[in-house]
Amino acid sequence: MVSDADYQAAVEALGRARSVALTTHVKPDADALGSAAALRRWLQGAGKTVDVIVPTPAPGKYAFLESGGPVKVAGRDVDLSAAEPPDLVVIVDTATWQQLDGMQPLVAESGAPVLVIDHHRTVDPLADMVLVDTDAAATVVIVHRLLVEAGVPIDRATAGYLFAGLVGDTDWFRLPNVSPETFRLAASLVEAGANPTEIHAHLHLGDSVAKLHLWGRALETLHPALGDRATVMHLTRAMFRETGADVGDTENLINQCMRVRGTRVGLMLVETEGDEVRVSLRCTPGLNVLEVAEQFGGGGHIRAAGARLTGPLDQVEARVLAAVDEALADAEKSEKP
């Protein structure tokens, strides 16, 4: 549980810093970028130098979350090994090294203190200060409270950034992480000027043809496993080359696995360059795919988690399905009267 003292310490650390580098996980999403945008708007308004640097490019639909300057990509727009160290590094929406590929020169080697703001359960020892609330529906919920604790007015732009992150991580309020407090926060953000119609258009009505072709190819690979209790999807390197899509276009694609009747666990396997396979997991209530992901060095939430493995796609699928089968067996034992 995050205490009032934790929030106050974070406010004071941000207040002392003259320069701040904000970063987040690979494949940055609305929660990550909305959190960074809201923080950047506050800190720049306070006269600080603020950079947002991400490990991998964000999909173009998130351009409206670029507050106060471009979102830089490590290795493409900035050489972290040669960059001037900031006074403070802030990591939003992750607390694991696995999600911070290429960010080690900034996070571990710059000498700057590190503040983590996150709502995931998996937390590596990489920060000096931690604001982690696993009960929060999204990281923007924690950022909102931080702004309130700092006495920062929630203007129209900030409300929009926070609302985008909130609907992004709750899938427009349909996921089990939603509580009455989530709706109260959403209402307050709309009252402050967030426009749900505009935000929905940004998030869902601007897909590229390449992305839609990729999704079509991926859906063709859907197949049942473990007695129809799991549904599996593959994305190969060839699919990305042939469609012109990139890894950011796979965001939320795994949810299609959960649409299959009888599915309790959805599994998406994405080939990357080299022999790494990125694994995403989703499940129905009563199961815990976080424990499955942690067996392979991954993390996330109880019902939405991920990991990275090496090896051929079919071998990775077999290894993960074996772990999923055990999780299903344990759950089914506990479900018996």
Protein backbone atom coordinates (compact mmCIF):
# COMPACT_ATOMS: atom_id res chain seq x y z
CA MET A 1 0.00 0.00 0.00
CA VAL A 2 1.32 3.45 -0.91
CA SER A 3 1.34 5.81 2.06
CA ASP A 4 0.84 9.56 2.19
CA ALA A 5 4.52 9.80 3.15
CA ASP A 6 5.49 7.92 -0.04
CA TYR A 7 3.59 10.42 -2.17
CA GLN A 8 5.11 13.34 -0.28
CA ALA A 9 8.62 11.96 -0.76
CA ALA A 10 8.00 11.63 -4.49
CA VAL A 11 6.64 15.18 -4.71
CA GLU A 12 9.74 16.47 -2.90
CA ALA A 13 12.13 14.50 -5.15
CA LEU A 14 10.42 15.85 -8.27
CA GLY A 15 10.49 19.33 -6.78
CA ARG A 16 14.26 19.20 -6.18
CA ALA A 17 15.14 17.94 -9.63
CA ARG A 18 15.99 20.53 -12.28
CA SER A 19 16.11 17.96 -15.06
CA VAL A 20 13.98 14.82 -15.32
CA ALA A 21 14.05 11.89 -17.73
CA LEU A 22 10.77 10.01 -18.01
CA THR A 23 10.77 6.50 -19.43
CA THR A 24 8.54 3.44 -19.63
CA HIS A 25 8.28 -0.07 -21.01
CA VAL A 26 8.80 -1.48 -24.48
CA LYS A 27 5.73 -1.14 -26.70
CA PRO A 28 4.51 1.93 -24.78
CA ASP A 29 0.73 2.11 -24.47
CA ALA A 30 -1.86 4.72 -23.50
CA ASP A 31 -1.32 4.29 -19.76
CA ALA A 32 2.44 4.63 -20.08
CA LEU A 33 2.38 7.60 -22.45
CA GLY A 34 -0.56 9.29 -20.73
CA SER A 35 1.27 9.08 -17.41
CA ALA A 36 4.44 10.49 -18.94
CA ALA A 37 2.55 13.28 -20.71
CA ALA A 38 0.76 14.40 -17.54
CA LEU A 39 3.99 14.41 -15.55
CA ARG A 40 5.87 16.26 -18.28
CA ARG A 41 3.21 18.96 -18.51
CA TRP A 42 3.41 19.57 -14.76
CA LEU A 43 7.20 19.53 -14.57
CA GLN A 44 7.75 21.72 -17.62
CA GLY A 45 5.23 24.18 -16.21
CA ALA A 46 7.42 24.30 -13.10
CA GLY A 47 10.41 25.32 -15.22
CA LYS A 48 12.17 21.97 -15.37
CA THR A 49 13.90 20.33 -18.32
CA VAL A 50 12.01 17.14 -19.15
CA ASP A 51 12.71 14.42 -21.71
CA VAL A 52 10.49 11.44 -22.46
CA ILE A 53 12.62 8.56 -23.74
CA VAL A 54 11.15 5.16 -24.61
CA PRO A 55 12.84 1.84 -25.44
CA THR A 56 10.81 1.22 -28.61
CA PRO A 57 8.68 3.47 -30.84
CA ALA A 58 5.07 4.09 -29.88
CA PRO A 59 2.29 3.52 -32.44
CA GLY A 60 1.37 6.67 -34.35
CA LYS A 61 -2.10 6.78 -32.82
CA TYR A 62 -0.50 7.96 -29.57
CA ALA A 63 0.92 11.15 -31.08
CA PHE A 64 -1.75 13.16 -29.22
CA LEU A 65 -0.01 12.13 -25.97
CA GLU A 66 3.22 13.92 -26.90
CA SER A 67 3.07 16.75 -24.39
CA GLY A 68 5.64 19.54 -24.56
CA GLY A 69 7.92 17.92 -27.10
CA PRO A 70 8.62 14.70 -28.97
CA VAL A 71 8.84 11.28 -27.39
CA LYS A 72 12.41 10.16 -28.10
CA VAL A 73 13.39 6.57 -28.85
CA ALA A 74 16.56 5.28 -27.20
CA GLY A 75 19.24 4.39 -29.73
CA ARG A 76 17.42 6.18 -32.55
CA ASP A 77 16.95 9.73 -31.28
CA VAL A 78 19.32 9.75 -28.32
CA ASP A 79 22.50 7.92 -27.33
CA LEU A 80 21.91 7.22 -23.65
CA SER A 81 25.56 6.36 -23.03
CA ALA A 82 26.65 9.82 -24.17
CA ALA A 83 23.72 11.85 -22.83
CA GLU A 84 24.03 14.24 -19.90
CA PRO A 85 22.61 12.49 -16.80
CA PRO A 86 19.38 14.01 -15.47
CA ASP A 87 18.83 14.93 -11.84
CA LEU A 88 16.08 12.28 -11.63
CA VAL A 89 14.89 9.31 -13.68
CA VAL A 90 11.18 8.48 -13.46
CA ILE A 91 9.92 5.12 -14.74
CA VAL A 92 6.18 4.83 -15.30
CA ASP A 93 4.02 1.74 -15.83
CA THR A 94 6.75 -0.86 -15.27
CA ALA A 95 9.24 -1.86 -12.63
CA THR A 96 11.05 -4.70 -14.37
CA TRP A 97 14.31 -4.84 -16.29
CA GLN A 98 12.74 -7.13 -18.86
CA GLN A 99 10.47 -4.27 -19.94
CA LEU A 100 13.31 -1.73 -20.08
CA ASP A 101 15.42 -3.07 -22.95
CA GLY A 102 18.20 -0.66 -23.82
CA MET A 103 17.45 1.72 -20.94
CA GLN A 104 20.21 0.45 -18.62
CA PRO A 105 22.58 3.36 -19.39
CA LEU A 106 19.91 5.77 -18.15
CA VAL A 107 18.40 3.75 -15.32
CA ALA A 108 21.38 1.88 -13.90
CA GLU A 109 24.49 3.66 -15.12
CA SER A 110 23.74 7.40 -15.17
CA GLY A 111 24.08 7.79 -11.40
CA ALA A 112 20.73 9.58 -11.21
CA PRO A 113 18.24 8.52 -8.52
CA VAL A 114 15.28 6.53 -9.85
CA LEU A 115 11.59 6.87 -9.00
CA VAL A 116 9.16 4.14 -10.13
CA ILE A 117 5.42 4.84 -10.52
CA ASP A 118 3.54 1.66 -11.38
CA HIS A 119 0.57 -0.60 -10.69
CA HIS A 120 1.98 -3.99 -11.70
CA ARG A 121 2.76 -6.73 -9.21
CA THR A 122 6.24 -7.58 -10.46
CA VAL A 123 8.83 -5.17 -9.05
CA ASP A 124 12.57 -5.57 -9.62
CA PRO A 125 15.02 -3.80 -7.28
CA LEU A 126 15.88 -1.02 -9.71
CA ALA A 127 14.63 2.16 -7.97
CA ASP A 128 15.51 4.40 -5.04
CA MET A 129 11.87 5.39 -4.54
CA VAL A 130 8.79 3.36 -5.39
CA LEU A 131 5.14 4.33 -5.81
CA VAL A 132 3.54 0.98 -6.64
CA ASP A 133 -0.16 0.46 -6.00
CA THR A 134 -1.34 -2.88 -7.37
CA ASP A 135 -4.95 -1.98 -6.57
CA ALA A 136 -4.85 0.96 -8.98
CA ALA A 137 -6.68 0.33 -12.26
CA ALA A 138 -3.89 2.09 -14.18
CA THR A 139 -0.67 3.97 -13.55
CA VAL A 140 -2.45 7.22 -14.40
CA VAL A 141 -4.50 6.73 -11.22
CA ILE A 142 -1.30 6.98 -9.18
CA VAL A 143 -0.06 9.92 -11.28
CA HIS A 144 -3.36 11.72 -10.70
CA ARG A 145 -3.02 11.36 -6.94
CA LEU A 146 0.61 12.53 -7.16
CA LEU A 147 -0.51 15.67 -8.99
CA VAL A 148 -3.22 16.29 -6.41
CA GLU A 149 -0.72 15.82 -3.57
CA ALA A 150 1.55 18.35 -5.28
CA GLY A 151 -1.30 20.87 -5.56
CA VAL A 152 -1.24 20.79 -9.35
CA PRO A 153 -4.50 21.91 -11.06
CA ILE A 154 -5.87 19.30 -13.47
CA ASP A 155 -6.35 21.33 -16.64
CA ARG A 156 -8.04 20.18 -19.85
CA ALA A 157 -4.88 18.79 -21.46
CA THR A 158 -3.76 16.92 -18.34
CA ALA A 159 -7.27 15.50 -17.87
CA GLY A 160 -7.17 14.20 -21.44
CA TYR A 161 -3.80 12.49 -20.94
CA LEU A 162 -4.98 10.83 -17.74
CA PHE A 163 -8.34 9.79 -19.21
CA ALA A 164 -6.60 8.18 -22.20
CA GLY A 165 -4.44 6.10 -19.88
CA LEU A 166 -7.42 5.14 -17.75
CA VAL A 167 -9.56 3.88 -20.63
CA GLY A 168 -6.56 2.26 -22.25
CA ASP A 169 -5.70 0.08 -19.28
CA THR A 170 -9.30 -0.74 -18.35
CA ASP A 171 -10.38 -1.33 -21.96
CA TRP A 172 -13.03 1.35 -21.56
CA PHE A 173 -14.03 0.18 -18.07
CA ARG A 174 -14.79 -3.45 -18.90
CA LEU A 175 -11.92 -5.19 -17.07
CA PRO A 176 -12.03 -6.49 -13.48
CA ASN A 177 -9.56 -3.84 -12.30
CA VAL A 178 -12.41 -1.31 -12.49
CA SER A 179 -13.93 -0.10 -9.23
CA PRO A 180 -16.39 2.63 -8.27
CA GLU A 181 -13.35 4.84 -7.65
CA THR A 182 -12.34 4.34 -11.29
CA PHE A 183 -15.63 5.80 -12.47
CA ARG A 184 -15.38 8.67 -9.99
CA LEU A 185 -11.94 9.53 -11.34
CA ALA A 186 -13.18 9.28 -14.93
CA ALA A 187 -16.08 11.62 -14.15
CA SER A 188 -13.75 14.16 -12.55
CA LEU A 189 -11.46 14.06 -15.59
CA VAL A 190 -14.38 14.64 -17.96
CA GLU A 191 -15.50 17.53 -15.76
CA ALA A 192 -11.95 18.93 -16.07
CA GLY A 193 -12.19 18.85 -19.87
CA ALA A 194 -11.29 15.35 -21.10
CA ASN A 195 -13.28 14.55 -24.24
CA PRO A 196 -14.12 10.82 -24.42
CA THR A 197 -15.31 11.04 -28.04
CA GLU A 198 -12.06 12.60 -29.24
CA ILE A 199 -9.95 10.21 -27.19
CA HIS A 200 -11.84 7.20 -28.52
CA ALA A 201 -11.22 8.41 -32.06
CA HIS A 202 -7.48 8.79 -31.39
CA LEU A 203 -7.22 5.33 -29.85
CA HIS A 204 -9.50 3.29 -32.10
CA LEU A 205 -10.25 5.03 -35.40
CA GLY A 206 -6.79 5.53 -36.83
CA ASP A 207 -5.42 2.07 -37.60
CA SER A 208 -3.14 1.53 -40.58
CA VAL A 209 -3.89 -0.91 -43.37
CA ALA A 210 -0.66 -2.70 -42.42
CA LYS A 211 -1.94 -3.29 -38.89
CA LEU A 212 -5.28 -4.65 -40.09
CA HIS A 213 -3.53 -6.98 -42.53
CA LEU A 214 -1.29 -8.20 -39.69
CA TRP A 215 -4.32 -8.88 -37.50
CA GLY A 216 -5.93 -10.84 -40.31
CA ARG A 217 -2.84 -12.99 -40.73
CA ALA A 218 -2.58 -13.54 -36.99
CA LEU A 219 -6.24 -14.55 -36.65
CA GLU A 220 -5.67 -17.24 -39.25
CA THR A 221 -3.24 -18.92 -36.82
CA LEU A 222 -5.77 -19.20 -33.97
CA HIS A 223 -5.93 -22.76 -32.68
CA PRO A 224 -7.26 -24.49 -29.57
CA ALA A 225 -5.08 -26.26 -27.03
CA LEU A 226 -5.41 -28.14 -23.75
CA GLY A 227 -8.81 -29.54 -24.55
CA ASP A 228 -10.18 -26.24 -25.88
CA ARG A 229 -9.42 -24.52 -22.56
CA ALA A 230 -6.67 -22.43 -24.19
CA THR A 231 -6.51 -20.55 -27.49
CA VAL A 232 -3.16 -19.81 -29.10
CA MET A 233 -2.10 -17.25 -31.71
CA HIS A 234 1.24 -16.88 -33.55
CA LEU A 235 2.90 -13.90 -35.18
CA THR A 236 6.03 -14.66 -37.18
CA ARG A 237 8.77 -12.39 -38.44
CA ALA A 238 7.54 -13.09 -41.97
CA MET A 239 4.11 -11.67 -41.14
CA PHE A 240 5.65 -8.36 -40.07
CA ARG A 241 7.82 -8.17 -43.19
CA GLU A 242 5.00 -9.05 -45.57
CA THR A 243 2.42 -6.67 -44.08
CA GLY A 244 4.76 -3.78 -43.23
CA ALA A 245 3.41 -3.71 -39.67
CA ASP A 246 5.56 -3.45 -36.56
CA VAL A 247 5.44 -4.93 -33.08
CA GLY A 248 3.46 -1.96 -31.74
CA ASP A 249 0.58 -3.04 -33.98
CA THR A 250 0.06 -6.14 -31.83
CA GLU A 251 -1.32 -4.12 -28.89
CA ASN A 252 -4.58 -5.70 -27.61
CA LEU A 253 -4.47 -8.37 -30.31
CA ILE A 254 -4.30 -11.11 -27.67
CA ASN A 255 -7.82 -10.18 -26.56
CA GLN A 256 -9.07 -11.90 -29.71
CA CYS A 257 -7.99 -15.24 -28.19
CA MET A 258 -10.39 -14.67 -25.31
CA ARG A 259 -13.34 -14.29 -27.69
CA VAL A 260 -13.26 -18.00 -28.52
CA ARG A 261 -16.02 -19.90 -26.72
CA GLY A 262 -14.72 -21.98 -23.81
CA THR A 263 -11.32 -20.30 -23.65
CA ARG A 264 -9.91 -19.87 -20.17
CA VAL A 265 -6.39 -18.85 -21.18
CA GLY A 266 -5.27 -16.88 -24.22
CA LEU A 267 -1.67 -17.18 -25.42
CA MET A 268 -0.01 -15.01 -28.07
CA LEU A 269 3.51 -15.75 -29.29
CA VAL A 270 5.41 -13.08 -31.24
CA GLU A 271 8.72 -13.79 -32.98
CA THR A 272 11.29 -11.01 -32.76
CA GLU A 273 14.67 -10.66 -34.40
CA GLY A 274 17.05 -13.36 -33.23
CA ASP A 275 15.56 -16.33 -31.42
CA GLU A 276 13.48 -14.45 -28.84
CA VAL A 277 9.73 -15.01 -28.60
CA ARG A 278 7.51 -12.56 -26.71
CA VAL A 279 4.70 -14.30 -24.89
CA SER A 280 1.46 -12.62 -23.80
CA LEU A 281 -1.08 -14.31 -21.54
CA ARG A 282 -4.69 -13.53 -20.60
CA CYS A 283 -7.16 -15.53 -18.54
CA THR A 284 -10.65 -15.65 -17.11
CA PRO A 285 -11.42 -15.04 -13.41
CA GLY A 286 -10.18 -17.73 -11.04
CA LEU A 287 -6.88 -18.25 -12.85
CA ASN A 288 -3.47 -16.62 -12.37
CA VAL A 289 -1.32 -16.19 -15.48
CA LEU A 290 1.10 -13.97 -13.57
CA GLU A 291 2.42 -17.08 -11.85
CA VAL A 292 2.86 -18.70 -15.27
CA ALA A 293 4.78 -15.70 -16.60
CA GLU A 294 6.99 -15.53 -13.53
CA GLN A 295 8.18 -19.08 -14.19
CA PHE A 296 9.86 -17.68 -17.31
CA GLY A 297 11.17 -14.46 -15.77
CA GLY A 298 8.16 -12.38 -16.79
CA GLY A 299 5.57 -10.38 -14.89
CA GLY A 300 2.42 -8.28 -15.08
CA HIS A 301 -1.00 -8.78 -13.52
CA ILE A 302 -2.91 -11.85 -12.30
CA ARG A 303 -5.09 -11.93 -15.43
CA ALA A 304 -2.73 -10.24 -17.92
CA ALA A 305 0.95 -11.08 -17.98
CA GLY A 306 3.87 -11.68 -20.29
CA ALA A 307 7.39 -13.04 -20.63
CA ARG A 308 10.19 -13.49 -23.12
CA LEU A 309 11.66 -16.85 -24.02
CA THR A 310 14.20 -18.08 -26.53
CA GLY A 311 13.83 -20.91 -28.99
CA PRO A 312 11.70 -21.97 -31.95
CA LEU A 313 8.06 -20.88 -31.83
CA ASP A 314 6.65 -24.38 -31.48
CA GLN A 315 9.00 -25.26 -28.63
CA VAL A 316 8.19 -22.05 -26.76
CA GLU A 317 4.48 -22.77 -27.21
CA ALA A 318 4.91 -26.27 -25.77
CA ARG A 319 6.84 -24.99 -22.73
CA VAL A 320 4.32 -22.30 -21.92
CA LEU A 321 1.31 -24.54 -22.49
CA ALA A 322 2.78 -27.08 -20.07
CA ALA A 323 2.89 -24.39 -17.39
CA VAL A 324 -0.62 -23.21 -18.31
CA ASP A 325 -1.88 -26.79 -18.03
CA GLU A 326 -0.54 -27.01 -14.48
CA ALA A 327 -2.17 -23.69 -13.59
CA LEU A 328 -5.49 -24.88 -15.00
CA ALA A 329 -5.26 -28.14 -13.06
CA ASP A 330 -4.57 -26.27 -9.82
CA ALA A 331 -7.47 -23.89 -10.45
CA GLU A 332 -9.86 -26.68 -11.30
CA LYS A 333 -8.97 -28.52 -8.08
CA SER A 334 -9.78 -25.42 -6.04
CA GLU A 335 -13.04 -24.94 -7.93
CA LYS A 336 -14.37 -28.36 -6.96
CA PRO A 337 -16.90 -28.27 -4.09
